[in-house]
Structures are given as C-alpha cells and as structure tokens.
C-alpha atoms as a PDB file:
ATOM      1  CA  MET A   1      -9.143  20.190  -0.288  1.00  0.00           C
ATOM      2  CA  ASN A   2      -5.310  19.406  -1.510  1.00  0.00           C
ATOM      3  CA  LEU A   3      -5.235  19.119  -5.094  1.00  0.00           C
ATOM      4  CA  VAL A   4      -2.039  17.045  -5.797  1.00  0.00           C
ATOM      5  CA  ILE A   5      -0.944  17.030  -9.811  1.00  0.00           C
ATOM      6  CA  VAL A   6       1.488  14.500 -11.119  1.00  0.00           C
ATOM      7  CA  GLU A   7       2.000  13.250 -14.293  1.00  0.00           C
ATOM      8  CA  SER A   8       0.701   9.621 -14.853  1.00  0.00           C
ATOM      9  CA  PRO A   9      -2.915   8.823 -13.962  1.00  0.00           C
ATOM     10  CA  ALA A  10      -1.508   5.370 -12.847  1.00  0.00           C
ATOM     11  CA  LYS A  11       0.857   7.983 -10.100  1.00  0.00           C
ATOM     12  CA  ALA A  12      -2.742   9.522  -9.579  1.00  0.00           C
ATOM     13  CA  LYS A  13      -4.338   6.405  -8.281  1.00  0.00           C
ATOM     14  CA  THR A  14      -1.850   5.227  -6.292  1.00  0.00           C
ATOM     15  CA  ILE A  15      -0.806   8.106  -4.522  1.00  0.00           C
ATOM     16  CA  ASN A  16      -4.769   8.929  -4.027  1.00  0.00           C
ATOM     17  CA  LYS A  17      -5.222   5.454  -2.143  1.00  0.00           C
ATOM     18  CA  TYR A  18      -1.983   7.197   0.700  1.00  0.00           C
ATOM     19  CA  LEU A  19      -3.365  10.502   0.897  1.00  0.00           C
ATOM     20  CA  GLY A  20      -7.129   9.977   1.733  1.00  0.00           C
ATOM     21  CA  LYS A  21      -9.899  11.917   1.387  1.00  0.00           C
ATOM     22  CA  ASP A  22      -9.017  15.748   1.939  1.00  0.00           C
ATOM     23  CA  PHE A  23      -6.318  15.097  -0.893  1.00  0.00           C
ATOM     24  CA  LYS A  24      -7.559  15.259  -4.602  1.00  0.00           C
ATOM     25  CA  VAL A  25      -5.061  13.460  -7.243  1.00  0.00           C
ATOM     26  CA  LEU A  26      -4.888  14.438 -11.015  1.00  0.00           C
ATOM     27  CA  ALA A  27      -2.272  13.849 -13.646  1.00  0.00           C
ATOM     28  CA  SER A  28      -1.353  15.763 -16.539  1.00  0.00           C
ATOM     29  CA  TYR A  29      -0.893  13.172 -19.017  1.00  0.00           C
ATOM     30  CA  GLY A  30       2.776  14.298 -19.644  1.00  0.00           C
ATOM     31  CA  HIS A  31       3.019  17.725 -21.345  1.00  0.00           C
ATOM     32  CA  VAL A  32       0.475  20.055 -20.801  1.00  0.00           C
ATOM     33  CA  ARG A  33       1.990  22.973 -23.261  1.00  0.00           C
ATOM     34  CA  ASP A  34       4.041  23.476 -26.491  1.00  0.00           C
ATOM     35  CA  LEU A  35       5.717  26.349 -28.395  1.00  0.00           C
ATOM     36  CA  ILE A  36       3.066  27.899 -31.169  1.00  0.00           C
ATOM     37  CA  PRO A  37       4.234  26.453 -34.624  1.00  0.00           C
ATOM     38  CA  LYS A  38       4.822  28.319 -37.721  1.00  0.00           C
ATOM     39  CA  GLU A  39       3.776  31.233 -35.970  1.00  0.00           C
ATOM     40  CA  GLY A  40       7.296  32.459 -34.414  1.00  0.00           C
ATOM     41  CA  ALA A  41       7.473  30.507 -31.361  1.00  0.00           C
ATOM     42  CA  VAL A  42       9.870  33.609 -29.881  1.00  0.00           C
ATOM     43  CA  ASP A  43       8.774  37.513 -29.537  1.00  0.00           C
ATOM     44  CA  THR A  44      11.699  39.340 -30.167  1.00  0.00           C
ATOM     45  CA  GLU A  45       9.592  42.716 -29.694  1.00  0.00           C
ATOM     46  CA  ARG A  46       8.617  41.570 -26.037  1.00  0.00           C
ATOM     47  CA  GLU A  47      12.211  41.019 -24.522  1.00  0.00           C
ATOM     48  CA  PHE A  48      12.218  36.984 -26.679  1.00  0.00           C
ATOM     49  CA  ALA A  49       8.775  36.056 -24.604  1.00  0.00           C
ATOM     50  CA  MET A  50       7.655  32.511 -25.493  1.00  0.00           C
ATOM     51  CA  LYS A  51       4.335  31.881 -27.009  1.00  0.00           C
ATOM     52  CA  TYR A  52       2.731  28.452 -25.330  1.00  0.00           C
ATOM     53  CA  GLN A  53      -0.302  26.593 -26.609  1.00  0.00           C
ATOM     54  CA  VAL A  54      -1.940  23.863 -24.891  1.00  0.00           C
ATOM     55  CA  ILE A  55      -1.446  20.676 -26.548  1.00  0.00           C
ATOM     56  CA  GLU A  56      -5.272  19.773 -28.099  1.00  0.00           C
ATOM     57  CA  LYS A  57      -5.181  16.382 -26.796  1.00  0.00           C
ATOM     58  CA  ASN A  58      -4.692  17.176 -22.841  1.00  0.00           C
ATOM     59  CA  ASP A  59      -6.877  20.339 -23.131  1.00  0.00           C
ATOM     60  CA  ARG A  60      -9.504  18.012 -21.311  1.00  0.00           C
ATOM     61  CA  HIS A  61      -6.739  17.345 -18.750  1.00  0.00           C
ATOM     62  CA  VAL A  62      -5.698  20.816 -18.369  1.00  0.00           C
ATOM     63  CA  LYS A  63      -9.624  22.278 -17.912  1.00  0.00           C
ATOM     64  CA  ALA A  64     -10.097  19.267 -15.237  1.00  0.00           C
ATOM     65  CA  ILE A  65      -6.699  20.251 -12.982  1.00  0.00           C
ATOM     66  CA  SER A  66      -7.814  24.132 -13.640  1.00  0.00           C
ATOM     67  CA  SER A  67     -11.354  23.446 -11.968  1.00  0.00           C
ATOM     68  CA  ALA A  68     -10.344  21.861  -9.226  1.00  0.00           C
ATOM     69  CA  LEU A  69      -7.796  24.374  -8.280  1.00  0.00           C
ATOM     70  CA  LYS A  70     -10.665  26.822  -8.297  1.00  0.00           C
ATOM     71  CA  GLY A  71     -12.496  24.803  -4.745  1.00  0.00           C
ATOM     72  CA  ALA A  72      -8.523  23.698  -3.057  1.00  0.00           C
ATOM     73  CA  ASP A  73      -7.121  25.346  -0.148  1.00  0.00           C
ATOM     74  CA  ALA A  74      -3.752  24.169  -1.507  1.00  0.00           C
ATOM     75  CA  LEU A  75      -1.339  22.948  -4.200  1.00  0.00           C
ATOM     76  CA  TYR A  76       1.020  20.450  -4.644  1.00  0.00           C
ATOM     77  CA  LEU A  77       3.285  20.169  -7.820  1.00  0.00           C
ATOM     78  CA  ALA A  78       4.506  16.554  -7.600  1.00  0.00           C
ATOM     79  CA  THR A  79       5.903  16.415 -11.180  1.00  0.00           C
ATOM     80  CA  ASP A  80       8.861  14.166 -11.995  1.00  0.00           C
ATOM     81  CA  PRO A  81      12.369  15.538 -11.185  1.00  0.00           C
ATOM     82  CA  ASP A  82      13.768  16.240 -14.442  1.00  0.00           C
ATOM     83  CA  ARG A  83      13.058  18.962 -17.163  1.00  0.00           C
ATOM     84  CA  GLU A  84       9.573  18.222 -18.490  1.00  0.00           C
ATOM     85  CA  GLY A  85       8.411  17.680 -14.624  1.00  0.00           C
ATOM     86  CA  GLU A  86       9.657  21.169 -14.040  1.00  0.00           C
ATOM     87  CA  ALA A  87       8.409  22.354 -17.550  1.00  0.00           C
ATOM     88  CA  ILE A  88       5.083  21.101 -16.159  1.00  0.00           C
ATOM     89  CA  SER A  89       5.155  22.672 -12.672  1.00  0.00           C
ATOM     90  CA  TRP A  90       5.885  25.912 -13.797  1.00  0.00           C
END
C-alpha cells in the first residue's frame, strides 16, 4: 500500500478516487504541530533547537497517519506548495 498525505480532507477524498486500491490518501487537516508556548520554544543551550508539540485538535489525525505509515510500502507527501505545506511535510 502507498500512503499519500494531503492537507485537506476534501482533497484526500477526491485524490483517493483517482489513485485506486493500491493507495490510501489521508489528510493532515492543516497544521499538525506548533512551538510549545510559555516553556521557551527555542533551546538556546542545544544549538537553538526548536521545541514542538502536536496540536491537540489534530492529534487523532496525526495518530491515524502514523498508524497507516506502519503498513505502507511508500509515503508520498503531497501537501500544498507553500510555507505551511512544507512545515507539515518536514
């Protein structure tokens, strides 16, 4: 099975129709993580490493993607060609 990740559930549904049974298309539902608030999102003692957390409202979508990835032969990141799409794919 090939796993494809897009941002929008509407896109996932449409793309899934065209790719066929060898593909599973899931949506990230937009932003999946953010900098940890109030704790200091940048660790100055570790080469300015950024500290992220999964956004609570999207936690179940991230878990579904992680679960599907375990059985996937390939992963295709098909997020939008913009800053947020790049952040999701990263």
